[in-house]
Amino acid sequence: MFNEGDETVIATLVDGDNYALGTATATGTIKDINDSNDNTDGLIVNIADAVAVNEGEALEFTVSLTGGTSATDISVPVTYTGTATEWQ
């Protein structure tokens, strides 16, 4: 599956001997169709658990895209929650 994004089509009429041109151009959009009709184009973003690290080190999470490719950038917001207690 391939997410190619929307495509713009411009139709242009050309001059002829038997008629006059009024509006000579028109624009249309071809929307990318997906199987589930939920606007995801079958693309699925997954995030894997991070391995444990020592205090002060950064946790790393692997984010992957499955179900196809995309002709446009995909932006996924990331948030984090939780609490920590300092031991004394």
PDB file of N, CA and C in Angstrom:
ATOM      1  N   MET A   1       0.846  -1.162   0.000  1.00  0.00           N
ATOM      2  CA  MET A   1       0.000   0.000   0.000  1.00  0.00           C
ATOM      3  C   MET A   1       0.893   1.226   0.000  1.00  0.00           C
ATOM      4  N   PHE A   2       0.471   2.284  -0.673  1.00  0.00           N
ATOM      5  CA  PHE A   2       1.280   3.486  -0.792  1.00  0.00           C
ATOM      6  C   PHE A   2       0.404   4.705  -0.585  1.00  0.00           C
ATOM      7  N   ASN A   3       0.747   5.535   0.363  1.00  0.00           N
ATOM      8  CA  ASN A   3       0.031   6.777   0.605  1.00  0.00           C
ATOM      9  C   ASN A   3       0.665   7.847  -0.259  1.00  0.00           C
ATOM     10  N   GLU A   4       0.043   8.145  -1.385  1.00  0.00           N
ATOM     11  CA  GLU A   4       0.619   9.119  -2.298  1.00  0.00           C
ATOM     12  C   GLU A   4       0.075  10.520  -2.078  1.00  0.00           C
ATOM     13  N   GLY A   5      -0.902  10.670  -1.254  1.00  0.00           N
ATOM     14  CA  GLY A   5      -1.474  11.991  -1.024  1.00  0.00           C
ATOM     15  C   GLY A   5      -2.425  12.386  -2.142  1.00  0.00           C
ATOM     16  N   ASP A   6      -3.075  13.529  -1.962  1.00  0.00           N
ATOM     17  CA  ASP A   6      -4.014  14.021  -2.964  1.00  0.00           C
ATOM     18  C   ASP A   6      -3.266  14.513  -4.197  1.00  0.00           C
ATOM     19  N   GLU A   7      -3.942  14.456  -5.348  1.00  0.00           N
ATOM     20  CA  GLU A   7      -3.355  14.912  -6.596  1.00  0.00           C
ATOM     21  C   GLU A   7      -4.265  15.961  -7.218  1.00  0.00           C
ATOM     22  N   THR A   8      -3.677  17.003  -7.775  1.00  0.00           N
ATOM     23  CA  THR A   8      -4.430  18.072  -8.424  1.00  0.00           C
ATOM     24  C   THR A   8      -4.381  17.879  -9.932  1.00  0.00           C
ATOM     25  N   VAL A   9      -5.538  18.006 -10.576  1.00  0.00           N
ATOM     26  CA  VAL A   9      -5.648  17.888 -12.030  1.00  0.00           C
ATOM     27  C   VAL A   9      -6.188  19.199 -12.572  1.00  0.00           C
ATOM     28  N   ILE A  10      -5.546  19.715 -13.609  1.00  0.00           N
ATOM     29  CA  ILE A  10      -6.021  20.936 -14.258  1.00  0.00           C
ATOM     30  C   ILE A  10      -6.398  20.586 -15.691  1.00  0.00           C
ATOM     31  N   ALA A  11      -7.661  20.831 -16.050  1.00  0.00           N
ATOM     32  CA  ALA A  11      -8.145  20.593 -17.414  1.00  0.00           C
ATOM     33  C   ALA A  11      -8.175  21.934 -18.143  1.00  0.00           C
ATOM     34  N   THR A  12      -7.638  21.957 -19.350  1.00  0.00           N
ATOM     35  CA  THR A  12      -7.585  23.186 -20.136  1.00  0.00           C
ATOM     36  C   THR A  12      -8.223  22.960 -21.496  1.00  0.00           C
ATOM     37  N   LEU A  13      -9.172  23.814 -21.859  1.00  0.00           N
ATOM     38  CA  LEU A  13      -9.790  23.761 -23.182  1.00  0.00           C
ATOM     39  C   LEU A  13      -8.895  24.502 -24.171  1.00  0.00           C
ATOM     40  N   VAL A  14      -8.892  24.059 -25.407  1.00  0.00           N
ATOM     41  CA  VAL A  14      -8.085  24.721 -26.423  1.00  0.00           C
ATOM     42  C   VAL A  14      -8.989  25.387 -27.453  1.00  0.00           C
ATOM     43  N   ASP A  15      -8.462  26.408 -28.073  1.00  0.00           N
ATOM     44  CA  ASP A  15      -9.219  27.135 -29.099  1.00  0.00           C
ATOM     45  C   ASP A  15      -9.610  26.211 -30.238  1.00  0.00           C
ATOM     46  N   GLY A  16     -10.781  26.503 -30.826  1.00  0.00           N
ATOM     47  CA  GLY A  16     -11.253  25.760 -31.986  1.00  0.00           C
ATOM     48  C   GLY A  16     -11.899  26.703 -32.984  1.00  0.00           C
ATOM     49  N   ASP A  17     -12.172  26.218 -34.158  1.00  0.00           N
ATOM     50  CA  ASP A  17     -12.746  27.048 -35.205  1.00  0.00           C
ATOM     51  C   ASP A  17     -14.244  27.262 -35.034  1.00  0.00           C
ATOM     52  N   ASN A  18     -14.957  26.327 -34.397  1.00  0.00           N
ATOM     53  CA  ASN A  18     -16.420  26.363 -34.378  1.00  0.00           C
ATOM     54  C   ASN A  18     -17.005  26.911 -33.077  1.00  0.00           C
ATOM     55  N   TYR A  19     -16.192  27.405 -32.171  1.00  0.00           N
ATOM     56  CA  TYR A  19     -16.722  27.854 -30.878  1.00  0.00           C
ATOM     57  C   TYR A  19     -15.818  28.923 -30.276  1.00  0.00           C
ATOM     58  N   ALA A  20     -16.353  29.606 -29.289  1.00  0.00           N
ATOM     59  CA  ALA A  20     -15.575  30.579 -28.523  1.00  0.00           C
ATOM     60  C   ALA A  20     -15.345  30.006 -27.126  1.00  0.00           C
ATOM     61  N   LEU A  21     -14.236  30.351 -26.554  1.00  0.00           N
ATOM     62  CA  LEU A  21     -13.933  29.875 -25.198  1.00  0.00           C
ATOM     63  C   LEU A  21     -14.508  30.828 -24.168  1.00  0.00           C
ATOM     64  N   GLY A  22     -15.139  30.257 -23.160  1.00  0.00           N
ATOM     65  CA  GLY A  22     -15.553  31.015 -21.981  1.00  0.00           C
ATOM     66  C   GLY A  22     -14.477  30.782 -20.931  1.00  0.00           C
ATOM     67  N   THR A  23     -14.825  30.051 -19.879  1.00  0.00           N
ATOM     68  CA  THR A  23     -13.829  29.651 -18.880  1.00  0.00           C
ATOM     69  C   THR A  23     -13.014  28.517 -19.485  1.00  0.00           C
ATOM     70  N   ALA A  24     -11.703  28.710 -19.599  1.00  0.00           N
ATOM     71  CA  ALA A  24     -10.867  27.767 -20.342  1.00  0.00           C
ATOM     72  C   ALA A  24     -10.176  26.732 -19.471  1.00  0.00           C
ATOM     73  N   THR A  25     -10.145  26.936 -18.153  1.00  0.00           N
ATOM     74  CA  THR A  25      -9.477  25.953 -17.281  1.00  0.00           C
ATOM     75  C   THR A  25     -10.354  25.629 -16.084  1.00  0.00           C
ATOM     76  N   ALA A  26     -10.169  24.436 -15.543  1.00  0.00           N
ATOM     77  CA  ALA A  26     -10.850  24.003 -14.327  1.00  0.00           C
ATOM     78  C   ALA A  26      -9.889  23.131 -13.536  1.00  0.00           C
ATOM     79  N   THR A  27     -10.005  23.154 -12.234  1.00  0.00           N
ATOM     80  CA  THR A  27      -9.125  22.384 -11.356  1.00  0.00           C
ATOM     81  C   THR A  27      -9.944  21.363 -10.579  1.00  0.00           C
ATOM     82  N   GLY A  28      -9.406  20.147 -10.422  1.00  0.00           N
ATOM     83  CA  GLY A  28     -10.041  19.101  -9.628  1.00  0.00           C
ATOM     84  C   GLY A  28      -9.009  18.427  -8.745  1.00  0.00           C
ATOM     85  N   THR A  29      -9.473  17.733  -7.719  1.00  0.00           N
ATOM     86  CA  THR A  29      -8.588  17.023  -6.800  1.00  0.00           C
ATOM     87  C   THR A  29      -8.951  15.552  -6.782  1.00  0.00           C
ATOM     88  N   ILE A  30      -7.942  14.704  -6.938  1.00  0.00           N
ATOM     89  CA  ILE A  30      -8.129  13.255  -6.799  1.00  0.00           C
ATOM     90  C   ILE A  30      -7.676  12.898  -5.392  1.00  0.00           C
ATOM     91  N   LYS A  31      -8.624  12.449  -4.553  1.00  0.00           N
ATOM     92  CA  LYS A  31      -8.306  12.085  -3.171  1.00  0.00           C
ATOM     93  C   LYS A  31      -7.760  10.670  -3.132  1.00  0.00           C
ATOM     94  N   ASP A  32      -6.742  10.444  -2.307  1.00  0.00           N
ATOM     95  CA  ASP A  32      -6.182   9.118  -2.123  1.00  0.00           C
ATOM     96  C   ASP A  32      -7.211   8.258  -1.385  1.00  0.00           C
ATOM     97  N   ILE A  33      -7.508   7.068  -1.878  1.00  0.00           N
ATOM     98  CA  ILE A  33      -8.518   6.189  -1.289  1.00  0.00           C
ATOM     99  C   ILE A  33      -7.826   5.155  -0.409  1.00  0.00           C
ATOM    100  N   ASN A  34      -8.431   4.843   0.733  1.00  0.00           N
ATOM    101  CA  ASN A  34      -7.887   3.795   1.597  1.00  0.00           C
ATOM    102  C   ASN A  34      -8.946   2.721   1.813  1.00  0.00           C
ATOM    103  N   ASP A  35      -8.486   1.558   2.215  1.00  0.00           N
ATOM    104  CA  ASP A  35      -9.389   0.405   2.362  1.00  0.00           C
ATOM    105  C   ASP A  35     -10.424   0.588   3.463  1.00  0.00           C
ATOM    106  N   SER A  36     -10.035   1.153   4.581  1.00  0.00           N
ATOM    107  CA  SER A  36     -10.942   1.228   5.727  1.00  0.00           C
ATOM    108  C   SER A  36     -11.762   2.510   5.750  1.00  0.00           C
ATOM    109  N   ASN A  37     -11.507   3.411   4.811  1.00  0.00           N
ATOM    110  CA  ASN A  37     -12.219   4.677   4.719  1.00  0.00           C
ATOM    111  C   ASN A  37     -12.110   5.485   6.004  1.00  0.00           C
ATOM    112  N   ASP A  38     -11.007   5.305   6.738  1.00  0.00           N
ATOM    113  CA  ASP A  38     -10.809   6.044   7.978  1.00  0.00           C
ATOM    114  C   ASP A  38      -9.683   7.062   7.875  1.00  0.00           C
ATOM    115  N   ASN A  39      -9.246   7.365   6.662  1.00  0.00           N
ATOM    116  CA  ASN A  39      -8.237   8.379   6.376  1.00  0.00           C
ATOM    117  C   ASN A  39      -6.838   7.997   6.864  1.00  0.00           C
ATOM    118  N   THR A  40      -6.573   6.717   7.122  1.00  0.00           N
ATOM    119  CA  THR A  40      -5.234   6.312   7.554  1.00  0.00           C
ATOM    120  C   THR A  40      -4.428   5.694   6.435  1.00  0.00           C
ATOM    121  N   ASP A  41      -5.041   5.354   5.323  1.00  0.00           N
ATOM    122  CA  ASP A  41      -4.367   4.718   4.189  1.00  0.00           C
ATOM    123  C   ASP A  41      -3.650   3.436   4.592  1.00  0.00           C
ATOM    124  N   GLY A  42      -4.121   2.786   5.659  1.00  0.00           N
ATOM    125  CA  GLY A  42      -3.539   1.527   6.092  1.00  0.00           C
ATOM    126  C   GLY A  42      -2.223   1.670   6.833  1.00  0.00           C
ATOM    127  N   LEU A  43      -1.771   2.891   7.065  1.00  0.00           N
ATOM    128  CA  LEU A  43      -0.505   3.110   7.759  1.00  0.00           C
ATOM    129  C   LEU A  43      -0.705   3.002   9.261  1.00  0.00           C
ATOM    130  N   ILE A  44       0.209   2.285   9.919  1.00  0.00           N
ATOM    131  CA  ILE A  44       0.114   2.074  11.364  1.00  0.00           C
ATOM    132  C   ILE A  44       1.443   2.476  11.990  1.00  0.00           C
ATOM    133  N   VAL A  45       1.384   3.323  13.006  1.00  0.00           N
ATOM    134  CA  VAL A  45       2.582   3.731  13.743  1.00  0.00           C
ATOM    135  C   VAL A  45       2.646   2.920  15.028  1.00  0.00           C
ATOM    136  N   ASN A  46       3.805   2.306  15.289  1.00  0.00           N
ATOM    137  CA  ASN A  46       4.016   1.498  16.493  1.00  0.00           C
ATOM    138  C   ASN A  46       5.187   2.076  17.285  1.00  0.00           C
ATOM    139  N   ILE A  47       5.123   1.915  18.604  1.00  0.00           N
ATOM    140  CA  ILE A  47       6.250   2.298  19.455  1.00  0.00           C
ATOM    141  C   ILE A  47       6.589   1.108  20.342  1.00  0.00           C
ATOM    142  N   ALA A  48       7.872   0.803  20.422  1.00  0.00           N
ATOM    143  CA  ALA A  48       8.327  -0.347  21.215  1.00  0.00           C
ATOM    144  C   ALA A  48       8.790   0.119  22.590  1.00  0.00           C
ATOM    145  N   ASP A  49       8.660  -0.773  23.576  1.00  0.00           N
ATOM    146  CA  ASP A  49       9.140  -0.474  24.918  1.00  0.00           C
ATOM    147  C   ASP A  49      10.635  -0.185  24.897  1.00  0.00           C
ATOM    148  N   ALA A  50      11.056   0.701  25.787  1.00  0.00           N
ATOM    149  CA  ALA A  50      12.480   1.003  25.930  1.00  0.00           C
ATOM    150  C   ALA A  50      13.106   0.027  26.909  1.00  0.00           C
ATOM    151  N   VAL A  51      14.380  -0.249  26.709  1.00  0.00           N
ATOM    152  CA  VAL A  51      15.101  -1.083  27.681  1.00  0.00           C
ATOM    153  C   VAL A  51      15.491  -0.210  28.866  1.00  0.00           C
ATOM    154  N   ALA A  52      15.675  -0.833  30.017  1.00  0.00           N
ATOM    155  CA  ALA A  52      16.026  -0.096  31.223  1.00  0.00           C
ATOM    156  C   ALA A  52      17.400   0.546  31.085  1.00  0.00           C
ATOM    157  N   VAL A  53      17.553   1.751  31.638  1.00  0.00           N
ATOM    158  CA  VAL A  53      18.833   2.454  31.630  1.00  0.00           C
ATOM    159  C   VAL A  53      19.157   2.910  33.038  1.00  0.00           C
ATOM    160  N   ASN A  54      20.385   3.263  33.266  1.00  0.00           N
ATOM    161  CA  ASN A  54      20.793   3.798  34.556  1.00  0.00           C
ATOM    162  C   ASN A  54      20.301   5.230  34.704  1.00  0.00           C
ATOM    163  N   GLU A  55      20.113   5.652  35.950  1.00  0.00           N
ATOM    164  CA  GLU A  55      19.664   7.007  36.216  1.00  0.00           C
ATOM    165  C   GLU A  55      20.588   8.011  35.528  1.00  0.00           C
ATOM    166  N   GLY A  56      19.988   9.024  34.917  1.00  0.00           N
ATOM    167  CA  GLY A  56      20.767  10.043  34.225  1.00  0.00           C
ATOM    168  C   GLY A  56      20.962   9.759  32.742  1.00  0.00           C
ATOM    169  N   GLU A  57      20.671   8.520  32.312  1.00  0.00           N
ATOM    170  CA  GLU A  57      20.788   8.174  30.895  1.00  0.00           C
ATOM    171  C   GLU A  57      19.436   8.371  30.211  1.00  0.00           C
ATOM    172  N   ALA A  58      19.449   8.496  28.911  1.00  0.00           N
ATOM    173  CA  ALA A  58      18.218   8.716  28.150  1.00  0.00           C
ATOM    174  C   ALA A  58      17.587   7.389  27.758  1.00  0.00           C
ATOM    175  N   LEU A  59      16.274   7.303  27.908  1.00  0.00           N
ATOM    176  CA  LEU A  59      15.527   6.153  27.393  1.00  0.00           C
ATOM    177  C   LEU A  59      15.328   6.339  25.895  1.00  0.00           C
ATOM    178  N   GLU A  60      15.434   5.270  25.127  1.00  0.00           N
ATOM    179  CA  GLU A  60      15.209   5.338  23.693  1.00  0.00           C
ATOM    180  C   GLU A  60      14.074   4.406  23.313  1.00  0.00           C
ATOM    181  N   PHE A  61      13.108   4.945  22.595  1.00  0.00           N
ATOM    182  CA  PHE A  61      11.961   4.184  22.113  1.00  0.00           C
ATOM    183  C   PHE A  61      12.047   4.102  20.597  1.00  0.00           C
ATOM    184  N   THR A  62      11.851   2.925  20.035  1.00  0.00           N
ATOM    185  CA  THR A  62      11.848   2.759  18.590  1.00  0.00           C
ATOM    186  C   THR A  62      10.436   2.943  18.061  1.00  0.00           C
ATOM    187  N   VAL A  63      10.279   3.862  17.121  1.00  0.00           N
ATOM    188  CA  VAL A  63       8.990   4.128  16.490  1.00  0.00           C
ATOM    189  C   VAL A  63       9.072   3.618  15.057  1.00  0.00           C
ATOM    190  N   SER A  64       8.073   2.838  14.627  1.00  0.00           N
ATOM    191  CA  SER A  64       8.106   2.283  13.276  1.00  0.00           C
ATOM    192  C   SER A  64       6.772   2.507  12.566  1.00  0.00           C
ATOM    193  N   LEU A  65       6.827   2.464  11.240  1.00  0.00           N
ATOM    194  CA  LEU A  65       5.652   2.635  10.390  1.00  0.00           C
ATOM    195  C   LEU A  65       5.462   1.353   9.602  1.00  0.00           C
ATOM    196  N   THR A  66       4.261   0.783   9.672  1.00  0.00           N
ATOM    197  CA  THR A  66       3.968  -0.433   8.913  1.00  0.00           C
ATOM    198  C   THR A  66       2.716  -0.209   8.076  1.00  0.00           C
ATOM    199  N   GLY A  67       2.468  -1.108   7.152  1.00  0.00           N
ATOM    200  CA  GLY A  67       1.258  -1.054   6.354  1.00  0.00           C
ATOM    201  C   GLY A  67       1.400  -0.301   5.059  1.00  0.00           C
ATOM    202  N   GLY A  68       2.591   0.150   4.703  1.00  0.00           N
ATOM    203  CA  GLY A  68       2.779   0.851   3.445  1.00  0.00           C
ATOM    204  C   GLY A  68       3.843   1.904   3.554  1.00  0.00           C
ATOM    205  N   THR A  69       3.872   2.769   2.571  1.00  0.00           N
ATOM    206  CA  THR A  69       4.807   3.887   2.561  1.00  0.00           C
ATOM    207  C   THR A  69       4.025   5.160   2.309  1.00  0.00           C
ATOM    208  N   SER A  70       4.652   6.290   2.552  1.00  0.00           N
ATOM    209  CA  SER A  70       3.973   7.563   2.391  1.00  0.00           C
ATOM    210  C   SER A  70       4.819   8.499   1.568  1.00  0.00           C
ATOM    211  N   ALA A  71       4.183   9.231   0.657  1.00  0.00           N
ATOM    212  CA  ALA A  71       4.882  10.225  -0.145  1.00  0.00           C
ATOM    213  C   ALA A  71       5.002  11.544   0.609  1.00  0.00           C
ATOM    214  N   THR A  72       4.350  11.643   1.744  1.00  0.00           N
ATOM    215  CA  THR A  72       4.410  12.861   2.545  1.00  0.00           C
ATOM    216  C   THR A  72       4.980  12.535   3.919  1.00  0.00           C
ATOM    217  N   ASP A  73       5.530  13.534   4.577  1.00  0.00           N
ATOM    218  CA  ASP A  73       6.039  13.337   5.929  1.00  0.00           C
ATOM    219  C   ASP A  73       4.885  12.992   6.864  1.00  0.00           C
ATOM    220  N   ILE A  74       5.178  12.132   7.827  1.00  0.00           N
ATOM    221  CA  ILE A  74       4.192  11.773   8.837  1.00  0.00           C
ATOM    222  C   ILE A  74       4.711  12.299  10.164  1.00  0.00           C
ATOM    223  N   SER A  75       3.883  13.080  10.824  1.00  0.00           N
ATOM    224  CA  SER A  75       4.259  13.674  12.092  1.00  0.00           C
ATOM    225  C   SER A  75       3.428  13.024  13.185  1.00  0.00           C
ATOM    226  N   VAL A  76       4.085  12.490  14.209  1.00  0.00           N
ATOM    227  CA  VAL A  76       3.389  11.819  15.309  1.00  0.00           C
ATOM    228  C   VAL A  76       3.732  12.541  16.603  1.00  0.00           C
ATOM    229  N   PRO A  77       2.742  13.179  17.237  1.00  0.00           N
ATOM    230  CA  PRO A  77       3.019  13.843  18.514  1.00  0.00           C
ATOM    231  C   PRO A  77       3.370  12.819  19.590  1.00  0.00           C
ATOM    232  N   VAL A  78       4.311  13.167  20.442  1.00  0.00           N
ATOM    233  CA  VAL A  78       4.737  12.273  21.524  1.00  0.00           C
ATOM    234  C   VAL A  78       4.572  13.014  22.847  1.00  0.00           C
ATOM    235  N   THR A  79       3.968  12.335  23.822  1.00  0.00           N
ATOM    236  CA  THR A  79       3.850  12.892  25.160  1.00  0.00           C
ATOM    237  C   THR A  79       4.375  11.861  26.151  1.00  0.00           C
ATOM    238  N   TYR A  80       4.698  12.295  27.320  1.00  0.00           N
ATOM    239  CA  TYR A  80       5.093  11.350  28.367  1.00  0.00           C
ATOM    240  C   TYR A  80       4.418  11.741  29.664  1.00  0.00           C
ATOM    241  N   THR A  81       4.159  10.729  30.473  1.00  0.00           N
ATOM    242  CA  THR A  81       3.529  10.955  31.766  1.00  0.00           C
ATOM    243  C   THR A  81       4.241  10.090  32.800  1.00  0.00           C
ATOM    244  N   GLY A  82       3.991  10.348  34.023  1.00  0.00           N
ATOM    245  CA  GLY A  82       4.557   9.542  35.098  1.00  0.00           C
ATOM    246  C   GLY A  82       5.076  10.408  36.216  1.00  0.00           C
ATOM    247  N   THR A  83       5.473   9.759  37.283  1.00  0.00           N
ATOM    248  CA  THR A  83       6.040  10.469  38.417  1.00  0.00           C
ATOM    249  C   THR A  83       7.268   9.729  38.892  1.00  0.00           C
ATOM    250  N   ALA A  84       8.089  10.422  39.577  1.00  0.00           N
ATOM    251  CA  ALA A  84       9.289   9.820  40.163  1.00  0.00           C
ATOM    252  C   ALA A  84       9.433  10.333  41.592  1.00  0.00           C
ATOM    253  N   THR A  85       9.916   9.478  42.458  1.00  0.00           N
ATOM    254  CA  THR A  85      10.141   9.859  43.852  1.00  0.00           C
ATOM    255  C   THR A  85      11.630   9.808  44.124  1.00  0.00           C
ATOM    256  N   GLU A  86      12.156  10.868  44.705  1.00  0.00           N
ATOM    257  CA  GLU A  86      13.577  10.899  45.034  1.00  0.00           C
ATOM    258  C   GLU A  86      13.784  10.221  46.393  1.00  0.00           C
ATOM    259  N   TRP A  87      14.664   9.254  46.410  1.00  0.00           N
ATOM    260  CA  TRP A  87      14.975   8.537  47.655  1.00  0.00           C
ATOM    261  C   TRP A  87      16.070   9.285  48.371  1.00  0.00           C
ATOM    262  N   GLN A  88      15.903   9.392  49.700  1.00  0.00           N
ATOM    263  CA  GLN A  88      16.915  10.093  50.487  1.00  0.00           C
ATOM    264  C   GLN A  88      17.528   9.193  51.509  1.00  0.00           C
TER     265      GLN A  88
END
